[in-house]
Amino acid sequence: MPRLETPRLLLRPLQASDVAVLVAIWADPDVTRYMGGPRDGEKVRQTLEDELRTHSTDRFGFCPVVEKASGRVIGDCGLTKKDVDGRAEIELVYVLAADSWGKGYATEAASALRDYALGRLKVPRLIALIDPENVSSARVAEKVGMQFEKAVVRPGGTLRHVYAMPGMAS
């Protein structure tokens, strides 16, 4: 993923100094409450360290979200391939540290990713899979131009709402 800038944020490639912060974010039960719960810190660390070692050039993936004013990593976001009801999809994902919630950062980061995906990558369709109880995340999806499309049951039996860009019917 290239560097993407917004007025207040920088979305950039992973650096070794980001690993501990991102492990903490993904292991936080509040942050991951609607995403299947906290991730195993060691597994997250291993995944991030593997990414640093291989210097992945995949056009999809995740990148740290840095608050420009402080220089602090406040989240992780990206584009990931998903299979939804037998259809290959590209999901836009945004995950922010709890102390960064309510400031519009998720919308700002998601807007930058949307523009990158639909513009430079020419992705034909962009979705977000959102827990029906996660009203804040649904609001972000709507603010960046997505609309509720349908409810799906994911592997493992979890219910998710599919939000998609308008004009891209299933």
N, C-alpha and C. Protein backbone atom coordinates (compact mmCIF):
# COMPACT_ATOMS: atom_id res chain seq x y z
N MET A 1 0.85 -1.19 0.00
CA MET A 1 0.00 0.00 0.00
C MET A 1 0.90 1.25 0.00
N PRO A 2 0.53 2.23 -0.79
CA PRO A 2 1.31 3.47 -0.81
C PRO A 2 0.96 4.34 0.39
N ARG A 3 1.69 5.43 0.53
CA ARG A 3 1.36 6.42 1.55
C ARG A 3 0.12 7.18 1.07
N LEU A 4 -0.84 7.33 1.97
CA LEU A 4 -2.03 8.12 1.68
C LEU A 4 -2.14 9.17 2.76
N GLU A 5 -2.43 10.40 2.37
CA GLU A 5 -2.56 11.48 3.35
C GLU A 5 -3.94 12.07 3.32
N THR A 6 -4.40 12.45 4.52
CA THR A 6 -5.64 13.21 4.68
C THR A 6 -5.25 14.45 5.46
N PRO A 7 -6.18 15.37 5.70
CA PRO A 7 -5.80 16.56 6.46
C PRO A 7 -5.16 16.26 7.82
N ARG A 8 -5.64 15.20 8.51
CA ARG A 8 -5.12 14.93 9.86
C ARG A 8 -4.38 13.62 10.01
N LEU A 9 -4.41 12.79 8.97
CA LEU A 9 -3.86 11.44 9.10
C LEU A 9 -2.88 11.10 7.99
N LEU A 10 -2.01 10.14 8.31
CA LEU A 10 -1.10 9.55 7.34
C LEU A 10 -1.30 8.04 7.40
N LEU A 11 -1.59 7.45 6.27
CA LEU A 11 -1.68 5.99 6.15
C LEU A 11 -0.43 5.59 5.39
N ARG A 12 0.43 4.80 6.03
CA ARG A 12 1.74 4.53 5.44
C ARG A 12 2.14 3.07 5.64
N PRO A 13 3.19 2.65 4.92
CA PRO A 13 3.66 1.27 5.11
C PRO A 13 4.09 1.01 6.56
N LEU A 14 4.01 -0.24 6.93
CA LEU A 14 4.37 -0.70 8.26
C LEU A 14 5.86 -0.47 8.54
N GLN A 15 6.17 -0.05 9.77
CA GLN A 15 7.54 0.09 10.24
C GLN A 15 7.69 -0.75 11.51
N ALA A 16 8.92 -1.15 11.80
CA ALA A 16 9.18 -1.99 12.97
C ALA A 16 8.66 -1.33 14.25
N SER A 17 8.73 -0.02 14.34
CA SER A 17 8.29 0.69 15.55
C SER A 17 6.77 0.65 15.73
N ASP A 18 6.03 0.21 14.72
CA ASP A 18 4.57 0.15 14.80
C ASP A 18 4.07 -1.13 15.44
N VAL A 19 4.89 -2.17 15.45
CA VAL A 19 4.43 -3.50 15.82
C VAL A 19 3.79 -3.54 17.20
N ALA A 20 4.47 -3.04 18.23
CA ALA A 20 3.93 -3.12 19.60
C ALA A 20 2.60 -2.39 19.72
N VAL A 21 2.49 -1.23 19.09
CA VAL A 21 1.24 -0.45 19.16
C VAL A 21 0.10 -1.21 18.48
N LEU A 22 0.36 -1.76 17.31
CA LEU A 22 -0.68 -2.48 16.59
C LEU A 22 -1.08 -3.77 17.30
N VAL A 23 -0.12 -4.44 17.92
CA VAL A 23 -0.43 -5.64 18.72
C VAL A 23 -1.40 -5.24 19.84
N ALA A 24 -1.11 -4.14 20.51
CA ALA A 24 -1.97 -3.69 21.61
C ALA A 24 -3.37 -3.33 21.12
N ILE A 25 -3.47 -2.68 19.97
CA ILE A 25 -4.78 -2.32 19.42
C ILE A 25 -5.60 -3.57 19.09
N TRP A 26 -4.98 -4.53 18.39
CA TRP A 26 -5.70 -5.75 18.00
C TRP A 26 -6.00 -6.67 19.18
N ALA A 27 -5.30 -6.50 20.28
CA ALA A 27 -5.54 -7.33 21.47
C ALA A 27 -6.52 -6.68 22.45
N ASP A 28 -6.94 -5.45 22.15
CA ASP A 28 -7.84 -4.71 23.05
C ASP A 28 -9.28 -5.22 22.88
N PRO A 29 -9.88 -5.74 23.97
CA PRO A 29 -11.25 -6.28 23.85
C PRO A 29 -12.30 -5.24 23.46
N ASP A 30 -12.10 -3.98 23.86
CA ASP A 30 -13.06 -2.93 23.46
C ASP A 30 -12.97 -2.65 21.96
N VAL A 31 -11.76 -2.56 21.46
CA VAL A 31 -11.54 -2.26 20.05
C VAL A 31 -12.08 -3.37 19.16
N THR A 32 -11.90 -4.62 19.57
CA THR A 32 -12.24 -5.77 18.73
C THR A 32 -13.59 -6.40 19.09
N ARG A 33 -14.33 -5.75 19.96
CA ARG A 33 -15.60 -6.30 20.44
C ARG A 33 -16.53 -6.74 19.31
N TYR A 34 -16.59 -5.96 18.23
CA TYR A 34 -17.49 -6.28 17.13
C TYR A 34 -16.78 -6.98 15.97
N MET A 35 -15.54 -7.40 16.22
CA MET A 35 -14.73 -8.02 15.17
C MET A 35 -14.29 -9.42 15.56
N GLY A 36 -15.05 -10.06 16.42
CA GLY A 36 -14.69 -11.41 16.82
C GLY A 36 -13.84 -11.49 18.07
N GLY A 37 -13.60 -10.36 18.70
CA GLY A 37 -12.85 -10.35 19.95
C GLY A 37 -11.36 -10.15 19.75
N PRO A 38 -10.65 -10.02 20.87
CA PRO A 38 -9.21 -9.72 20.81
C PRO A 38 -8.43 -10.81 20.08
N ARG A 39 -7.42 -10.37 19.37
CA ARG A 39 -6.54 -11.30 18.67
C ARG A 39 -5.40 -11.71 19.60
N ASP A 40 -4.86 -12.88 19.35
CA ASP A 40 -3.71 -13.37 20.09
C ASP A 40 -2.51 -12.46 19.77
N GLY A 41 -1.98 -11.81 20.80
CA GLY A 41 -0.91 -10.84 20.60
C GLY A 41 0.30 -11.42 19.89
N GLU A 42 0.67 -12.63 20.24
CA GLU A 42 1.86 -13.24 19.61
C GLU A 42 1.62 -13.53 18.13
N LYS A 43 0.40 -13.95 17.80
CA LYS A 43 0.08 -14.20 16.39
C LYS A 43 0.10 -12.90 15.59
N VAL A 44 -0.44 -11.83 16.17
CA VAL A 44 -0.44 -10.53 15.49
C VAL A 44 1.01 -10.07 15.29
N ARG A 45 1.82 -10.19 16.34
CA ARG A 45 3.23 -9.79 16.26
C ARG A 45 3.93 -10.57 15.13
N GLN A 46 3.71 -11.88 15.10
CA GLN A 46 4.34 -12.73 14.08
C GLN A 46 3.93 -12.30 12.68
N THR A 47 2.63 -12.05 12.48
CA THR A 47 2.13 -11.62 11.18
C THR A 47 2.77 -10.31 10.75
N LEU A 48 2.85 -9.36 11.68
CA LEU A 48 3.43 -8.06 11.35
C LEU A 48 4.93 -8.18 11.06
N GLU A 49 5.63 -8.98 11.85
CA GLU A 49 7.07 -9.17 11.63
C GLU A 49 7.33 -9.89 10.32
N ASP A 50 6.47 -10.84 9.97
CA ASP A 50 6.59 -11.52 8.67
C ASP A 50 6.41 -10.52 7.53
N GLU A 51 5.43 -9.63 7.69
CA GLU A 51 5.18 -8.61 6.67
C GLU A 51 6.39 -7.70 6.50
N LEU A 52 7.02 -7.32 7.61
CA LEU A 52 8.22 -6.48 7.54
C LEU A 52 9.36 -7.21 6.83
N ARG A 53 9.51 -8.49 7.11
CA ARG A 53 10.59 -9.29 6.51
C ARG A 53 10.41 -9.50 5.02
N THR A 54 9.18 -9.74 4.59
CA THR A 54 8.93 -10.07 3.18
C THR A 54 8.73 -8.83 2.32
N HIS A 55 8.54 -7.68 2.92
CA HIS A 55 8.31 -6.43 2.17
C HIS A 55 7.23 -6.63 1.11
N SER A 56 6.08 -7.09 1.56
CA SER A 56 4.98 -7.40 0.65
C SER A 56 4.66 -6.21 -0.25
N THR A 57 4.48 -6.51 -1.53
CA THR A 57 4.11 -5.47 -2.49
C THR A 57 2.67 -5.66 -2.95
N ASP A 58 1.91 -6.45 -2.19
CA ASP A 58 0.50 -6.68 -2.52
C ASP A 58 -0.23 -5.34 -2.50
N ARG A 59 -1.08 -5.14 -3.49
CA ARG A 59 -1.83 -3.87 -3.54
C ARG A 59 -2.93 -3.84 -2.50
N PHE A 60 -3.22 -4.98 -1.88
CA PHE A 60 -4.16 -5.02 -0.77
C PHE A 60 -3.35 -5.26 0.49
N GLY A 61 -3.98 -5.02 1.62
CA GLY A 61 -3.29 -5.22 2.89
C GLY A 61 -3.64 -4.10 3.84
N PHE A 62 -2.94 -4.08 4.96
CA PHE A 62 -3.20 -3.11 6.00
C PHE A 62 -2.03 -2.15 6.16
N CYS A 63 -2.33 -0.99 6.71
CA CYS A 63 -1.28 -0.01 6.99
C CYS A 63 -1.64 0.74 8.27
N PRO A 64 -0.62 1.16 8.99
CA PRO A 64 -0.87 1.94 10.20
C PRO A 64 -1.51 3.28 9.87
N VAL A 65 -2.35 3.73 10.80
CA VAL A 65 -2.96 5.06 10.72
C VAL A 65 -2.23 5.94 11.73
N VAL A 66 -1.59 7.00 11.23
CA VAL A 66 -0.79 7.88 12.08
C VAL A 66 -1.48 9.24 12.18
N GLU A 67 -1.66 9.70 13.41
CA GLU A 67 -2.19 11.05 13.64
C GLU A 67 -1.05 12.03 13.37
N LYS A 68 -1.22 12.89 12.37
CA LYS A 68 -0.15 13.81 11.98
C LYS A 68 0.30 14.72 13.12
N ALA A 69 -0.66 15.27 13.85
CA ALA A 69 -0.33 16.25 14.89
C ALA A 69 0.61 15.69 15.95
N SER A 70 0.41 14.43 16.32
CA SER A 70 1.22 13.83 17.39
C SER A 70 2.28 12.85 16.88
N GLY A 71 2.10 12.36 15.66
CA GLY A 71 3.01 11.35 15.12
C GLY A 71 2.73 9.96 15.66
N ARG A 72 1.62 9.83 16.40
CA ARG A 72 1.29 8.57 17.07
C ARG A 72 0.47 7.65 16.17
N VAL A 73 0.79 6.35 16.19
CA VAL A 73 -0.01 5.35 15.49
C VAL A 73 -1.30 5.16 16.30
N ILE A 74 -2.44 5.40 15.65
CA ILE A 74 -3.72 5.32 16.36
C ILE A 74 -4.62 4.21 15.82
N GLY A 75 -4.14 3.50 14.78
CA GLY A 75 -4.99 2.45 14.24
C GLY A 75 -4.35 1.69 13.12
N ASP A 76 -5.16 0.85 12.51
CA ASP A 76 -4.75 -0.02 11.42
C ASP A 76 -5.92 -0.02 10.43
N CYS A 77 -5.64 0.07 9.16
CA CYS A 77 -6.72 0.05 8.19
C CYS A 77 -6.21 -0.56 6.89
N GLY A 78 -7.14 -0.93 6.04
CA GLY A 78 -6.69 -1.47 4.78
C GLY A 78 -7.79 -2.09 3.96
N LEU A 79 -7.35 -2.78 2.93
CA LEU A 79 -8.23 -3.46 1.99
C LEU A 79 -7.86 -4.93 2.03
N THR A 80 -8.86 -5.79 2.14
CA THR A 80 -8.58 -7.22 2.23
C THR A 80 -9.56 -8.01 1.37
N LYS A 81 -9.07 -9.10 0.82
CA LYS A 81 -9.91 -9.96 -0.01
C LYS A 81 -10.76 -10.84 0.89
N LYS A 82 -12.04 -10.94 0.57
CA LYS A 82 -12.98 -11.76 1.33
C LYS A 82 -13.87 -12.52 0.38
N ASP A 83 -14.33 -13.68 0.83
CA ASP A 83 -15.35 -14.43 0.11
C ASP A 83 -16.64 -14.22 0.88
N VAL A 84 -17.64 -13.68 0.23
CA VAL A 84 -18.94 -13.44 0.86
C VAL A 84 -20.00 -14.13 0.02
N ASP A 85 -20.59 -15.16 0.60
CA ASP A 85 -21.62 -15.94 -0.10
C ASP A 85 -21.14 -16.41 -1.48
N GLY A 86 -19.88 -16.87 -1.55
CA GLY A 86 -19.34 -17.39 -2.79
C GLY A 86 -18.87 -16.35 -3.78
N ARG A 87 -18.86 -15.11 -3.39
CA ARG A 87 -18.44 -14.03 -4.27
C ARG A 87 -17.15 -13.40 -3.75
N ALA A 88 -16.17 -13.22 -4.62
CA ALA A 88 -14.92 -12.56 -4.23
C ALA A 88 -15.20 -11.07 -4.04
N GLU A 89 -14.83 -10.54 -2.88
CA GLU A 89 -15.08 -9.14 -2.55
C GLU A 89 -13.79 -8.49 -2.04
N ILE A 90 -13.78 -7.16 -2.06
CA ILE A 90 -12.71 -6.40 -1.42
C ILE A 90 -13.36 -5.62 -0.29
N GLU A 91 -12.89 -5.91 0.93
CA GLU A 91 -13.44 -5.25 2.11
C GLU A 91 -12.54 -4.12 2.56
N LEU A 92 -13.16 -3.01 2.90
CA LEU A 92 -12.48 -1.86 3.49
C LEU A 92 -12.59 -2.03 5.01
N VAL A 93 -11.45 -2.05 5.71
CA VAL A 93 -11.42 -2.30 7.15
C VAL A 93 -10.76 -1.11 7.86
N TYR A 94 -11.34 -0.69 8.97
CA TYR A 94 -10.76 0.38 9.77
C TYR A 94 -10.86 -0.01 11.24
N VAL A 95 -9.74 0.10 11.94
CA VAL A 95 -9.65 -0.28 13.35
C VAL A 95 -8.86 0.81 14.05
N LEU A 96 -9.47 1.47 15.03
CA LEU A 96 -8.78 2.55 15.74
C LEU A 96 -8.71 2.28 17.23
N ALA A 97 -7.64 2.75 17.85
CA ALA A 97 -7.50 2.67 19.30
C ALA A 97 -8.67 3.40 19.95
N ALA A 98 -9.14 2.89 21.07
CA ALA A 98 -10.34 3.44 21.72
C ALA A 98 -10.21 4.93 22.04
N ASP A 99 -9.01 5.39 22.39
CA ASP A 99 -8.86 6.80 22.74
C ASP A 99 -8.89 7.72 21.51
N SER A 100 -9.02 7.14 20.33
CA SER A 100 -9.13 7.93 19.10
C SER A 100 -10.54 7.92 18.52
N TRP A 101 -11.46 7.26 19.20
CA TRP A 101 -12.84 7.20 18.72
C TRP A 101 -13.52 8.56 18.85
N GLY A 102 -14.51 8.79 18.02
CA GLY A 102 -15.36 9.99 18.13
C GLY A 102 -14.73 11.25 17.58
N LYS A 103 -13.63 11.15 16.84
CA LYS A 103 -12.94 12.33 16.31
C LYS A 103 -13.03 12.42 14.80
N GLY A 104 -13.75 11.47 14.18
CA GLY A 104 -13.87 11.46 12.73
C GLY A 104 -12.70 10.81 12.01
N TYR A 105 -11.78 10.24 12.75
CA TYR A 105 -10.59 9.62 12.14
C TYR A 105 -10.95 8.40 11.29
N ALA A 106 -11.88 7.58 11.73
CA ALA A 106 -12.25 6.39 10.96
C ALA A 106 -12.82 6.80 9.60
N THR A 107 -13.67 7.81 9.59
CA THR A 107 -14.25 8.30 8.33
C THR A 107 -13.16 8.86 7.43
N GLU A 108 -12.22 9.58 8.02
CA GLU A 108 -11.13 10.18 7.23
C GLU A 108 -10.25 9.10 6.60
N ALA A 109 -9.87 8.10 7.39
CA ALA A 109 -9.04 7.00 6.89
C ALA A 109 -9.80 6.18 5.85
N ALA A 110 -11.07 5.87 6.14
CA ALA A 110 -11.88 5.08 5.22
C ALA A 110 -12.09 5.81 3.89
N SER A 111 -12.25 7.12 3.94
CA SER A 111 -12.41 7.91 2.71
C SER A 111 -11.17 7.83 1.84
N ALA A 112 -10.01 7.92 2.46
CA ALA A 112 -8.74 7.84 1.71
C ALA A 112 -8.59 6.46 1.07
N LEU A 113 -8.93 5.42 1.81
CA LEU A 113 -8.85 4.06 1.27
C LEU A 113 -9.86 3.84 0.15
N ARG A 114 -11.06 4.37 0.32
CA ARG A 114 -12.09 4.26 -0.72
C ARG A 114 -11.60 4.90 -2.02
N ASP A 115 -11.05 6.11 -1.90
CA ASP A 115 -10.57 6.81 -3.10
C ASP A 115 -9.43 6.06 -3.77
N TYR A 116 -8.53 5.51 -2.98
CA TYR A 116 -7.41 4.72 -3.50
C TYR A 116 -7.92 3.46 -4.21
N ALA A 117 -8.85 2.75 -3.57
CA ALA A 117 -9.37 1.50 -4.11
C ALA A 117 -10.14 1.72 -5.41
N LEU A 118 -11.04 2.68 -5.39
CA LEU A 118 -11.89 2.91 -6.56
C LEU A 118 -11.16 3.68 -7.65
N GLY A 119 -10.21 4.53 -7.26
CA GLY A 119 -9.46 5.33 -8.22
C GLY A 119 -8.26 4.59 -8.78
N ARG A 120 -7.18 4.56 -8.03
CA ARG A 120 -5.94 3.97 -8.54
C ARG A 120 -6.02 2.47 -8.79
N LEU A 121 -6.70 1.73 -7.91
CA LEU A 121 -6.76 0.28 -8.07
C LEU A 121 -7.88 -0.17 -8.99
N LYS A 122 -8.83 0.73 -9.28
CA LYS A 122 -9.97 0.39 -10.14
C LYS A 122 -10.74 -0.82 -9.64
N VAL A 123 -10.88 -0.93 -8.31
CA VAL A 123 -11.66 -2.01 -7.70
C VAL A 123 -13.11 -1.80 -8.12
N PRO A 124 -13.76 -2.82 -8.69
CA PRO A 124 -15.12 -2.64 -9.20
C PRO A 124 -16.19 -2.54 -8.11
N ARG A 125 -15.86 -3.02 -6.92
CA ARG A 125 -16.85 -3.05 -5.85
C ARG A 125 -16.11 -3.05 -4.52
N LEU A 126 -16.59 -2.29 -3.57
CA LEU A 126 -15.97 -2.17 -2.26
C LEU A 126 -17.05 -2.39 -1.21
N ILE A 127 -16.75 -3.22 -0.21
CA ILE A 127 -17.73 -3.51 0.84
C ILE A 127 -17.13 -3.29 2.22
N ALA A 128 -18.00 -3.32 3.21
CA ALA A 128 -17.62 -3.39 4.62
C ALA A 128 -18.53 -4.43 5.26
N LEU A 129 -17.95 -5.33 6.03
CA LEU A 129 -18.72 -6.33 6.78
C LEU A 129 -18.80 -5.83 8.22
N ILE A 130 -20.02 -5.56 8.69
CA ILE A 130 -20.17 -4.89 9.98
C ILE A 130 -21.14 -5.64 10.87
N ASP A 131 -20.74 -5.83 12.12
CA ASP A 131 -21.61 -6.42 13.13
C ASP A 131 -22.85 -5.54 13.24
N PRO A 132 -24.04 -6.12 13.22
CA PRO A 132 -25.27 -5.32 13.29
C PRO A 132 -25.36 -4.41 14.52
N GLU A 133 -24.66 -4.76 15.59
CA GLU A 133 -24.69 -3.92 16.79
C GLU A 133 -23.68 -2.78 16.74
N ASN A 134 -22.79 -2.78 15.76
CA ASN A 134 -21.74 -1.75 15.69
C ASN A 134 -22.25 -0.54 14.90
N VAL A 135 -23.06 0.24 15.57
CA VAL A 135 -23.71 1.41 14.96
C VAL A 135 -22.67 2.43 14.48
N SER A 136 -21.61 2.61 15.24
CA SER A 136 -20.58 3.60 14.86
C SER A 136 -19.90 3.21 13.55
N SER A 137 -19.56 1.95 13.40
CA SER A 137 -18.91 1.50 12.17
C SER A 137 -19.85 1.60 10.97
N ALA A 138 -21.11 1.29 11.18
CA ALA A 138 -22.10 1.43 10.10
C ALA A 138 -22.21 2.89 9.67
N ARG A 139 -22.16 3.79 10.64
CA ARG A 139 -22.23 5.22 10.34
C ARG A 139 -21.03 5.66 9.49
N VAL A 140 -19.84 5.13 9.81
CA VAL A 140 -18.64 5.43 9.02
C VAL A 140 -18.84 4.95 7.59
N ALA A 141 -19.30 3.71 7.43
CA ALA A 141 -19.53 3.15 6.09
C ALA A 141 -20.48 4.04 5.29
N GLU A 142 -21.54 4.49 5.93
CA GLU A 142 -22.51 5.36 5.25
C GLU A 142 -21.90 6.71 4.90
N LYS A 143 -21.08 7.26 5.78
CA LYS A 143 -20.45 8.56 5.52
C LYS A 143 -19.52 8.52 4.32
N VAL A 144 -18.91 7.35 4.06
CA VAL A 144 -18.00 7.25 2.92
C VAL A 144 -18.73 6.79 1.65
N GLY A 145 -20.06 6.69 1.73
CA GLY A 145 -20.86 6.43 0.54
C GLY A 145 -21.37 5.02 0.38
N MET A 146 -21.20 4.20 1.39
CA MET A 146 -21.72 2.84 1.30
C MET A 146 -23.16 2.80 1.79
N GLN A 147 -23.89 1.80 1.31
CA GLN A 147 -25.27 1.60 1.74
C GLN A 147 -25.45 0.16 2.19
N PHE A 148 -26.34 -0.03 3.16
CA PHE A 148 -26.67 -1.38 3.60
C PHE A 148 -27.20 -2.16 2.41
N GLU A 149 -26.67 -3.37 2.22
CA GLU A 149 -27.11 -4.20 1.11
C GLU A 149 -27.86 -5.44 1.58
N LYS A 150 -27.29 -6.16 2.55
CA LYS A 150 -27.92 -7.38 3.03
C LYS A 150 -27.23 -7.86 4.30
N ALA A 151 -27.88 -8.82 4.95
CA ALA A 151 -27.29 -9.49 6.10
C ALA A 151 -26.76 -10.84 5.61
N VAL A 152 -25.60 -11.24 6.12
CA VAL A 152 -25.01 -12.54 5.76
C VAL A 152 -24.53 -13.24 7.03
N VAL A 153 -24.51 -14.56 6.96
CA VAL A 153 -23.94 -15.34 8.05
C VAL A 153 -22.54 -15.75 7.60
N ARG A 154 -21.55 -15.36 8.38
CA ARG A 154 -20.15 -15.63 8.05
C ARG A 154 -19.74 -17.00 8.58
N PRO A 155 -18.62 -17.52 8.10
CA PRO A 155 -18.12 -18.78 8.66
C PRO A 155 -17.99 -18.64 10.18
N GLY A 156 -18.39 -19.65 10.89
CA GLY A 156 -18.41 -19.57 12.35
C GLY A 156 -19.76 -19.14 12.88
N GLY A 157 -20.67 -18.76 11.97
CA GLY A 157 -22.04 -18.45 12.38
C GLY A 157 -22.32 -17.01 12.77
N THR A 158 -21.37 -16.10 12.61
CA THR A 158 -21.62 -14.71 13.01
C THR A 158 -22.41 -13.98 11.92
N LEU A 159 -23.35 -13.17 12.36
CA LEU A 159 -24.15 -12.36 11.46
C LEU A 159 -23.41 -11.05 11.17
N ARG A 160 -23.34 -10.67 9.92
CA ARG A 160 -22.73 -9.40 9.53
C ARG A 160 -23.63 -8.70 8.53
N HIS A 161 -23.62 -7.39 8.57
CA HIS A 161 -24.30 -6.60 7.55
C HIS A 161 -23.28 -6.23 6.49
N VAL A 162 -23.67 -6.39 5.24
CA VAL A 162 -22.82 -6.00 4.12
C VAL A 162 -23.22 -4.59 3.71
N TYR A 163 -22.24 -3.69 3.76
CA TYR A 163 -22.41 -2.34 3.24
C TYR A 163 -21.58 -2.28 1.97
N ALA A 164 -22.13 -1.68 0.90
CA ALA A 164 -21.43 -1.62 -0.38
C ALA A 164 -21.61 -0.23 -1.00
N MET A 165 -20.70 0.09 -1.91
CA MET A 165 -20.81 1.36 -2.62
C MET A 165 -22.06 1.30 -3.50
N PRO A 166 -22.81 2.37 -3.59
CA PRO A 166 -24.02 2.37 -4.42
C PRO A 166 -23.67 2.19 -5.89
N GLY A 167 -24.65 1.62 -6.63
CA GLY A 167 -24.45 1.40 -8.05
C GLY A 167 -23.66 0.14 -8.34
N MET A 168 -23.36 -0.62 -7.30
CA MET A 168 -22.60 -1.85 -7.47
C MET A 168 -23.42 -2.99 -6.91
N ALA A 169 -24.55 -3.23 -7.51
CA ALA A 169 -25.49 -4.24 -6.99
C ALA A 169 -24.88 -5.63 -7.01
N SER A 170 -25.35 -6.46 -6.11
CA SER A 170 -24.83 -7.82 -6.03
C SER A 170 -25.44 -8.71 -7.08
